[in-house]
């Protein structure tokens, strides 16, 4: 059980770090592009920014899911990578179909992946909402200046 918790703690740290730096890079890109695109002035610019953010979030979650799949393979909990990737995806997204089940030794590890996925999806949602709110506020300021 101790090795299970130690590996779970390591994976939580890895995924949170990936997410933190991914969001930091997205914020940097948004700040850099905001001056060029003037997103509030046209719907296409706003859509482009939201699309970029969503694709960046999907990339981060994909990396995190693949990291868990690699861990399942490395510890021998799942014997082929495609099954490990499938299990990791359904667990991280908290769908958990149940058609692939971990050995009793690694069930806690899988459950912690589900908790991490839930938290990171929440963090991503909060980030996306804040970007959208920023764009809406920017649009409101632009419309007020037009009056």
Protein backbone atom coordinates (compact mmCIF):
# COMPACT_ATOMS: atom_id res chain seq x y z
CA UNK A 1 0.00 0.00 0.00
CA UNK A 2 2.88 2.40 0.72
CA UNK A 3 4.33 1.98 -2.77
CA UNK A 4 0.84 2.59 -4.18
CA UNK A 5 0.47 5.88 -2.29
CA UNK A 6 4.04 6.95 -3.09
CA UNK A 7 3.50 6.45 -6.82
CA UNK A 8 0.09 8.13 -6.64
CA UNK A 9 1.65 11.13 -4.89
CA UNK A 10 4.35 11.32 -7.56
CA UNK A 11 1.78 11.22 -10.35
CA UNK A 12 -0.35 13.89 -8.67
CA UNK A 13 2.74 16.10 -8.49
CA UNK A 14 3.62 15.47 -12.12
CA UNK A 15 0.10 16.19 -13.40
CA UNK A 16 -0.39 19.31 -11.29
CA UNK A 17 3.00 20.59 -12.47
CA UNK A 18 2.12 19.89 -16.13
CA UNK A 19 -1.16 21.72 -15.64
CA UNK A 20 0.39 24.69 -13.86
CA UNK A 21 3.04 25.25 -16.52
CA UNK A 22 0.54 24.61 -19.32
CA UNK A 23 -1.81 27.27 -17.95
CA UNK A 24 1.13 29.63 -17.45
CA UNK A 25 2.12 29.18 -21.10
CA UNK A 26 -1.46 29.77 -22.22
CA UNK A 27 -1.63 32.99 -20.17
CA UNK A 28 1.64 34.18 -21.70
CA UNK A 29 0.38 33.43 -25.19
CA UNK A 30 -2.90 35.25 -24.48
CA UNK A 31 -1.09 38.32 -23.21
CA UNK A 32 1.19 38.38 -26.23
CA UNK A 33 -1.61 37.85 -28.75
CA UNK A 34 -4.14 40.19 -27.13
CA UNK A 35 -2.29 43.27 -28.32
CA UNK A 36 -2.05 41.97 -31.88
CA UNK A 37 -5.56 40.56 -32.35
CA UNK A 38 -7.59 43.20 -30.53
CA UNK A 39 -10.06 40.38 -29.74
CA UNK A 40 -12.93 42.52 -28.53
CA UNK A 41 -13.34 44.22 -31.88
CA UNK A 42 -14.44 41.15 -33.81
CA UNK A 43 -16.15 37.87 -33.16
CA UNK A 44 -13.60 35.93 -35.21
CA UNK A 45 -10.78 37.17 -32.98
CA UNK A 46 -12.66 36.16 -29.84
CA UNK A 47 -13.44 32.76 -31.31
CA UNK A 48 -9.81 32.25 -32.31
CA UNK A 49 -8.65 32.98 -28.76
CA UNK A 50 -11.22 30.64 -27.18
CA UNK A 51 -10.33 27.92 -29.71
CA UNK A 52 -6.64 28.29 -28.88
CA UNK A 53 -7.35 28.04 -25.15
CA UNK A 54 -9.54 24.96 -25.57
CA UNK A 55 -6.94 23.22 -27.76
CA UNK A 56 -4.24 24.07 -25.22
CA UNK A 57 -6.35 22.59 -22.42
CA UNK A 58 -7.02 19.43 -24.43
CA UNK A 59 -3.28 19.08 -25.06
CA UNK A 60 -2.52 19.39 -21.34
CA UNK A 61 -5.12 16.79 -20.40
CA UNK A 62 -3.84 14.48 -23.13
CA UNK A 63 -0.29 14.67 -21.79
CA UNK A 64 -1.54 13.96 -18.27
CA UNK A 65 -3.61 10.97 -19.42
CA UNK A 66 -0.65 9.57 -21.37
CA UNK A 67 1.57 10.01 -18.31
CA UNK A 68 -0.82 7.88 -16.26
CA UNK A 69 -1.02 5.29 -19.05
CA UNK A 70 2.78 5.08 -19.08
CA UNK A 71 2.74 4.62 -15.31
CA UNK A 72 0.23 1.76 -15.54
CA UNK A 73 2.49 0.05 -18.08
CA UNK A 74 5.66 0.73 -16.08
CA UNK A 75 4.27 -0.81 -12.89
CA UNK A 76 2.79 -3.77 -14.77
CA UNK A 77 -0.78 -3.01 -13.73
CA UNK A 78 -1.91 -3.14 -17.37
CA UNK A 79 0.01 -5.23 -19.88
CA UNK A 80 -0.42 -3.35 -23.16
CA UNK A 81 -0.21 0.38 -23.79
CA UNK A 82 -3.45 0.75 -25.76
CA UNK A 83 -5.45 -0.78 -22.88
CA UNK A 84 -3.52 1.37 -20.39
CA UNK A 85 -4.33 4.48 -22.44
CA UNK A 86 -8.00 3.49 -22.67
CA UNK A 87 -8.20 2.79 -18.93
CA UNK A 88 -6.39 6.03 -18.11
CA UNK A 89 -8.72 8.07 -20.33
CA UNK A 90 -11.89 6.61 -18.83
CA UNK A 91 -10.51 6.96 -15.31
CA UNK A 92 -9.10 10.50 -15.70
CA UNK A 93 -12.39 11.71 -17.14
CA UNK A 94 -14.22 9.86 -14.32
CA UNK A 95 -16.34 7.89 -16.80
CA UNK A 96 -14.96 4.58 -15.52
CA UNK A 97 -16.78 2.06 -17.71
CA UNK A 98 -15.49 -0.85 -15.63
CA UNK A 99 -14.61 -3.08 -18.56
CA UNK A 100 -10.93 -2.83 -17.61
CA UNK A 101 -10.26 -3.29 -13.91
CA UNK A 102 -7.00 -2.96 -12.00
CA UNK A 103 -5.64 -5.61 -9.68
CA UNK A 104 -6.48 -5.05 -6.04
CA UNK A 105 -2.93 -3.80 -5.44
CA UNK A 106 -3.41 -0.83 -7.79
CA UNK A 107 -7.07 0.13 -7.33
CA UNK A 108 -6.23 3.02 -5.01
CA UNK A 109 -3.79 4.35 -7.63
CA UNK A 110 -6.60 4.34 -10.22
CA UNK A 111 -9.03 6.01 -7.85
CA UNK A 112 -6.55 8.79 -7.16
CA UNK A 113 -6.18 9.32 -10.92
CA UNK A 114 -9.94 9.91 -11.10
CA UNK A 115 -9.73 12.46 -8.28
CA UNK A 116 -6.84 14.24 -10.01
CA UNK A 117 -8.73 14.30 -13.31
CA UNK A 118 -11.78 15.79 -11.64
CA UNK A 119 -9.71 18.53 -9.98
CA UNK A 120 -7.74 19.34 -13.15
CA UNK A 121 -10.87 19.50 -15.30
CA UNK A 122 -12.32 21.89 -12.74
CA UNK A 123 -9.19 24.01 -12.88
CA UNK A 124 -9.35 24.04 -16.69
CA UNK A 125 -13.02 25.02 -16.62
CA UNK A 126 -12.30 27.90 -14.24
CA UNK A 127 -9.49 29.07 -16.52
CA UNK A 128 -11.70 28.93 -19.62
CA UNK A 129 -14.47 30.83 -17.87
CA UNK A 130 -12.03 33.52 -16.73
CA UNK A 131 -10.71 33.93 -20.29
CA UNK A 132 -14.26 34.21 -21.62
CA UNK A 133 -15.17 36.73 -18.90
CA UNK A 134 -12.07 38.76 -19.77
CA UNK A 135 -13.03 38.80 -23.45
CA UNK A 136 -16.57 39.86 -22.58
CA UNK A 137 -15.29 42.67 -20.32
CA UNK A 138 -12.91 43.77 -23.07
CA UNK A 139 -15.83 43.79 -25.51
CA UNK A 140 -17.94 45.84 -23.09
CA UNK A 141 -15.16 48.44 -22.75
CA UNK A 142 -14.84 48.66 -26.52
CA UNK A 143 -18.60 49.13 -26.98
CA UNK A 144 -18.66 51.85 -24.31
CA UNK A 145 -15.81 53.68 -26.05
CA UNK A 146 -17.80 53.61 -29.30
CA UNK A 147 -20.71 55.54 -27.74
